[in-house]
């Protein structure tokens, strides 16, 4: 189908974009890479009167080292994030997840911030950023504010970004030296994950000292598996050492049931994939 008619604006600064949002209100829609929005427009599930394209705002692109954090501009394409040396060194879990995100074409067009703002619970970036304790910088007419990952994902396709606000960058605390792995279960290549697990693990002498675990598609938002994290501390990096902790992965989750599998199937998968992800991240 062809989208309904709309006016197109391409501001060159965040202030211009915010002014356009303020002027057009509910009639406007922000577009970043467009890989999620364009199919929705084509199916006419949404018909905004105005599209505000952030693609010409250069300040929203790029990756930089900011002391104790890596900062990724919201309009940075996935392929740049996945190939960046700083991200690979200090936030390897994000690099691992981007490798599994859709296909090469989408990774070149889609944007890091756009995917996170879309907040699909089956998206591949929510769980890694949640697990690593990312912070989301949001700009509005009153200035900027920073929202922790725990508070950013609100519900299905809903985040803490207000209707008159724009996500500008994502700050990811450095996890230098941590092992990382993203274990994704799909039926066909490039599919949305039925379940996926993001694991960052710090191991000393064959024993796990810290762990960060995020779950994809196990509820209406990405989920932090804190019970698993706590149970892993002090455990040896072995199948037996990790197994009992991984069995806690589905605790407190509310996975969907659909054509790819019911909720019980996903709960089982969460435990299996968590064990695999932790062992791979820890080098076991």
Protein backbone atom coordinates (compact mmCIF):
# COMPACT_ATOMS: atom_id res chain seq x y z
CA UNK A 1 0.00 0.00 0.00
CA UNK A 2 0.95 3.65 -0.36
CA UNK A 3 1.11 5.82 2.79
CA UNK A 4 -1.50 8.52 3.29
CA UNK A 5 -0.32 12.01 2.17
CA UNK A 6 1.86 13.93 4.61
CA UNK A 7 4.05 17.02 4.76
CA UNK A 8 7.78 16.43 5.15
CA UNK A 9 10.17 18.48 7.29
CA UNK A 10 13.93 17.96 7.56
CA UNK A 11 15.35 20.18 10.33
CA UNK A 12 19.11 20.56 10.67
CA UNK A 13 19.24 21.04 14.44
CA UNK A 14 17.60 19.58 17.53
CA UNK A 15 16.07 22.98 18.34
CA UNK A 16 14.46 23.14 14.89
CA UNK A 17 13.08 19.63 15.32
CA UNK A 18 11.66 20.47 18.74
CA UNK A 19 10.07 23.62 17.35
CA UNK A 20 8.43 21.60 14.59
CA UNK A 21 7.11 19.12 17.14
CA UNK A 22 5.72 21.94 19.25
CA UNK A 23 4.04 23.52 16.21
CA UNK A 24 2.40 20.38 14.84
CA UNK A 25 1.75 18.44 18.06
CA UNK A 26 -0.21 15.21 17.69
CA UNK A 27 -0.29 15.61 13.91
CA UNK A 28 3.47 15.04 13.66
CA UNK A 29 5.61 11.92 13.76
CA UNK A 30 9.39 11.67 14.14
CA UNK A 31 11.25 9.51 11.63
CA UNK A 32 14.81 8.31 12.22
CA UNK A 33 16.03 5.46 10.00
CA UNK A 34 12.45 4.60 9.09
CA UNK A 35 12.89 0.82 9.20
CA UNK A 36 10.05 0.41 11.71
CA UNK A 37 7.91 3.43 10.84
CA UNK A 38 7.72 3.09 7.06
CA UNK A 39 6.00 -0.33 7.08
CA UNK A 40 3.46 1.08 9.53
CA UNK A 41 2.79 4.04 7.23
CA UNK A 42 2.46 1.80 4.18
CA UNK A 43 -0.15 -0.31 5.95
CA UNK A 44 -1.84 2.92 7.09
CA UNK A 45 -1.76 1.82 10.71
CA UNK A 46 -0.62 5.38 11.40
CA UNK A 47 -1.28 8.42 9.23
CA UNK A 48 0.51 11.51 10.56
CA UNK A 49 -0.01 14.80 8.73
CA UNK A 50 3.65 15.76 9.18
CA UNK A 51 6.85 13.70 9.19
CA UNK A 52 9.87 15.25 10.90
CA UNK A 53 13.03 13.61 9.59
CA UNK A 54 16.04 13.74 11.96
CA UNK A 55 18.45 12.50 9.30
CA UNK A 56 20.03 15.90 8.63
CA UNK A 57 20.89 16.66 12.25
CA UNK A 58 24.62 15.89 12.30
CA UNK A 59 24.93 16.39 16.07
CA UNK A 60 22.80 13.28 16.61
CA UNK A 61 25.35 11.01 14.92
CA UNK A 62 28.60 9.56 16.18
CA UNK A 63 30.23 7.63 18.98
CA UNK A 64 32.57 9.09 21.58
CA UNK A 65 34.45 8.18 24.73
CA UNK A 66 33.22 10.22 27.69
CA UNK A 67 35.34 9.00 30.58
CA UNK A 68 33.38 6.28 32.32
CA UNK A 69 30.86 5.87 29.49
CA UNK A 70 30.59 5.36 25.75
CA UNK A 71 28.13 7.80 24.18
CA UNK A 72 26.21 6.81 21.05
CA UNK A 73 24.26 9.45 19.13
CA UNK A 74 20.65 8.50 18.55
CA UNK A 75 20.93 8.78 14.75
CA UNK A 76 24.05 6.62 14.49
CA UNK A 77 23.36 3.72 12.08
CA UNK A 78 23.53 0.20 13.48
CA UNK A 79 26.42 -0.80 11.22
CA UNK A 80 28.58 2.02 12.65
CA UNK A 81 27.81 0.90 16.20
CA UNK A 82 28.56 -2.71 15.35
CA UNK A 83 31.92 -1.91 13.75
CA UNK A 84 33.13 0.72 16.23
CA UNK A 85 36.28 -0.15 18.18
CA UNK A 86 35.26 1.83 21.28
CA UNK A 87 31.95 -0.02 21.54
CA UNK A 88 33.65 -3.37 21.00
CA UNK A 89 36.18 -2.67 23.76
CA UNK A 90 33.99 -1.05 26.39
CA UNK A 91 30.44 -2.24 25.61
CA UNK A 92 30.98 -5.56 23.84
CA UNK A 93 27.46 -6.73 24.61
CA UNK A 94 26.05 -4.01 22.35
CA UNK A 95 28.41 -5.04 19.53
CA UNK A 96 27.34 -8.66 19.89
CA UNK A 97 23.65 -7.76 19.75
CA UNK A 98 24.03 -5.53 16.69
CA UNK A 99 25.63 -8.44 14.82
CA UNK A 100 22.32 -10.30 15.16
CA UNK A 101 20.06 -7.36 14.30
CA UNK A 102 18.06 -7.98 11.10
CA UNK A 103 20.13 -7.93 7.88
CA UNK A 104 22.88 -5.77 6.40
CA UNK A 105 20.48 -3.44 4.59
CA UNK A 106 18.53 -2.64 7.73
CA UNK A 107 21.72 -2.25 9.76
CA UNK A 108 22.87 0.41 7.28
CA UNK A 109 19.58 2.32 7.30
CA UNK A 110 18.24 1.76 10.80
CA UNK A 111 19.48 3.87 13.71
CA UNK A 112 20.51 2.97 17.24
CA UNK A 113 18.25 5.51 18.93
CA UNK A 114 15.37 4.93 16.56
CA UNK A 115 15.21 1.23 17.40
CA UNK A 116 15.34 1.93 21.13
CA UNK A 117 12.68 4.65 20.92
CA UNK A 118 10.44 2.26 18.97
CA UNK A 119 10.58 -0.02 22.03
CA UNK A 120 9.52 -3.27 20.41
CA UNK A 121 9.96 -5.91 23.15
CA UNK A 122 11.29 -8.27 20.47
CA UNK A 123 13.91 -5.72 19.38
CA UNK A 124 17.54 -6.73 19.82
CA UNK A 125 18.88 -3.57 21.51
CA UNK A 126 16.63 -3.12 24.53
CA UNK A 127 17.95 -6.05 26.59
CA UNK A 128 21.66 -5.22 26.10
CA UNK A 129 21.24 -1.53 26.97
CA UNK A 130 19.11 -2.45 29.99
CA UNK A 131 21.62 -5.04 31.17
CA UNK A 132 24.51 -2.58 30.93
CA UNK A 133 22.64 0.14 32.82
CA UNK A 134 22.48 2.63 29.95
CA UNK A 135 21.22 6.16 30.37
CA UNK A 136 19.03 7.88 27.78
CA UNK A 137 19.44 11.62 27.14
CA UNK A 138 16.18 13.23 26.05
CA UNK A 139 15.75 16.78 24.77
CA UNK A 140 12.62 18.88 25.12
CA UNK A 141 11.60 22.52 25.10
CA UNK A 142 12.67 22.85 28.73
CA UNK A 143 16.16 21.43 28.15
CA UNK A 144 17.59 17.94 28.46
CA UNK A 145 17.01 15.20 30.99
CA UNK A 146 18.60 11.82 31.55
CA UNK A 147 16.55 8.67 32.14
CA UNK A 148 17.98 5.40 33.44
CA UNK A 149 17.33 2.26 31.40
CA UNK A 150 15.21 0.84 34.23
CA UNK A 151 12.79 3.74 33.77
CA UNK A 152 13.08 4.24 30.00
CA UNK A 153 11.10 1.21 28.80
CA UNK A 154 7.55 1.78 30.05
CA UNK A 155 5.34 -0.69 28.16
CA UNK A 156 4.73 -2.22 24.74
CA UNK A 157 6.08 0.34 22.19
CA UNK A 158 6.12 2.95 24.95
CA UNK A 159 9.10 4.75 26.48
CA UNK A 160 9.76 7.69 28.77
CA UNK A 161 10.16 9.99 25.75
CA UNK A 162 7.38 12.58 25.82
CA UNK A 163 5.30 13.55 22.79
CA UNK A 164 7.23 16.81 22.54
CA UNK A 165 10.68 15.30 23.16
CA UNK A 166 13.49 13.68 21.17
CA UNK A 167 16.03 11.05 22.18
CA UNK A 168 19.46 12.56 21.44
CA UNK A 169 22.02 10.06 22.75
CA UNK A 170 22.54 6.90 24.78
CA UNK A 171 25.24 6.72 27.45
CA UNK A 172 26.53 3.21 28.17
CA UNK A 173 28.73 2.70 31.25
CA UNK A 174 32.00 1.05 30.36
CA UNK A 175 32.26 -2.67 31.01
CA UNK A 176 35.84 -3.00 29.86
CA UNK A 177 37.22 -6.52 30.16
CA UNK A 178 33.82 -8.15 30.61
CA UNK A 179 32.91 -11.10 28.43
CA UNK A 180 29.72 -10.72 26.42
CA UNK A 181 27.35 -12.80 24.35
CA UNK A 182 23.92 -12.37 22.74
CA UNK A 183 22.10 -15.69 22.34
CA UNK A 184 19.14 -15.33 19.96
CA UNK A 185 16.65 -18.06 19.06
CA UNK A 186 14.83 -17.74 15.71
CA UNK A 187 13.18 -20.11 13.24
CA UNK A 188 14.57 -18.36 10.15
CA UNK A 189 17.49 -16.00 9.65
CA UNK A 190 16.97 -12.26 10.33
CA UNK A 191 13.70 -12.90 12.16
CA UNK A 192 12.61 -11.12 15.32
CA UNK A 193 13.80 -13.29 18.22
CA UNK A 194 11.35 -15.72 19.75
CA UNK A 195 13.51 -15.25 22.85
CA UNK A 196 17.01 -13.82 23.22
CA UNK A 197 19.38 -13.35 26.13
CA UNK A 198 22.02 -10.62 26.52
CA UNK A 199 24.78 -11.60 28.96
CA UNK A 200 27.77 -9.64 30.20
CA UNK A 201 29.97 -11.55 32.64
CA UNK A 202 33.05 -10.72 34.63
CA UNK A 203 34.99 -13.82 35.67
CA UNK A 204 38.12 -14.08 37.81
CA UNK A 205 40.08 -17.31 37.96
CA UNK A 206 37.23 -19.37 36.56
CA UNK A 207 34.68 -17.92 39.00
CA UNK A 208 31.94 -15.42 38.15
CA UNK A 209 32.31 -12.21 40.16
CA UNK A 210 29.63 -10.09 38.41
CA UNK A 211 26.96 -10.63 35.79
CA UNK A 212 24.44 -8.55 33.87
CA UNK A 213 21.58 -10.38 32.13
CA UNK A 214 18.85 -8.92 29.88
CA UNK A 215 15.93 -10.81 28.30
CA UNK A 216 14.34 -10.08 24.93
CA UNK A 217 10.67 -10.86 24.15
CA UNK A 218 9.85 -12.15 27.62
CA UNK A 219 7.31 -9.43 28.42
CA UNK A 220 6.00 -6.09 27.17
CA UNK A 221 9.43 -4.52 27.74
CA UNK A 222 13.02 -5.78 27.94
CA UNK A 223 13.61 -7.45 31.31
CA UNK A 224 16.61 -7.48 33.62
CA UNK A 225 17.09 -10.97 35.11
CA UNK A 226 18.37 -9.82 38.50
CA UNK A 227 17.69 -13.16 40.16
CA UNK A 228 20.02 -14.84 37.71
CA UNK A 229 22.65 -12.15 38.20
CA UNK A 230 22.66 -12.61 41.96
CA UNK A 231 22.70 -16.41 41.74
CA UNK A 232 25.67 -16.40 39.35
CA UNK A 233 28.02 -14.53 41.68
CA UNK A 234 30.59 -16.93 43.10
CA UNK A 235 29.68 -19.75 40.75
CA UNK A 236 32.33 -21.57 38.69
CA UNK A 237 32.26 -21.13 34.93
CA UNK A 238 30.98 -24.63 34.25
CA UNK A 239 27.73 -26.17 33.00
CA UNK A 240 26.83 -27.33 36.49
CA UNK A 241 27.84 -24.03 38.06
CA UNK A 242 25.65 -21.97 35.76
CA UNK A 243 22.67 -24.29 35.32
CA UNK A 244 20.84 -23.61 38.61
CA UNK A 245 21.18 -19.85 38.25
CA UNK A 246 19.97 -19.92 34.64
CA UNK A 247 16.80 -21.75 35.70
CA UNK A 248 15.73 -18.52 37.41
CA UNK A 249 15.66 -16.63 34.09
CA UNK A 250 11.90 -16.78 33.63
CA UNK A 251 11.11 -15.66 37.20
CA UNK A 252 8.89 -12.57 37.15
CA UNK A 253 8.46 -12.57 33.36
CA UNK A 254 5.26 -12.47 31.33
CA UNK A 255 6.16 -13.83 27.88
CA UNK A 256 3.63 -13.65 25.04
CA UNK A 257 1.99 -16.59 23.30
CA UNK A 258 1.85 -16.46 19.51
CA UNK A 259 2.43 -18.57 16.40
CA UNK A 260 6.13 -18.92 17.26
CA UNK A 261 5.47 -20.45 20.65
CA UNK A 262 3.39 -20.19 23.79
CA UNK A 263 4.48 -18.59 27.03
CA UNK A 264 5.61 -21.86 28.64
CA UNK A 265 7.83 -22.59 25.64
CA UNK A 266 9.42 -19.18 25.97
CA UNK A 267 10.01 -19.68 29.69
CA UNK A 268 11.82 -22.92 28.92
CA UNK A 269 13.85 -21.23 26.19
CA UNK A 270 14.84 -18.41 28.54
CA UNK A 271 16.55 -20.84 30.90
CA UNK A 272 18.32 -22.75 28.14
CA UNK A 273 19.49 -19.61 26.32
CA UNK A 274 20.62 -17.94 29.54
CA UNK A 275 22.86 -20.89 30.35
CA UNK A 276 24.35 -20.81 26.86
CA UNK A 277 24.82 -17.04 26.88
CA UNK A 278 26.51 -16.95 30.28
CA UNK A 279 28.90 -19.78 29.44
CA UNK A 280 29.79 -18.18 26.10
CA UNK A 281 30.30 -14.77 27.69
CA UNK A 282 32.49 -16.20 30.44
CA UNK A 283 34.47 -18.33 28.02
CA UNK A 284 33.22 -21.57 29.56
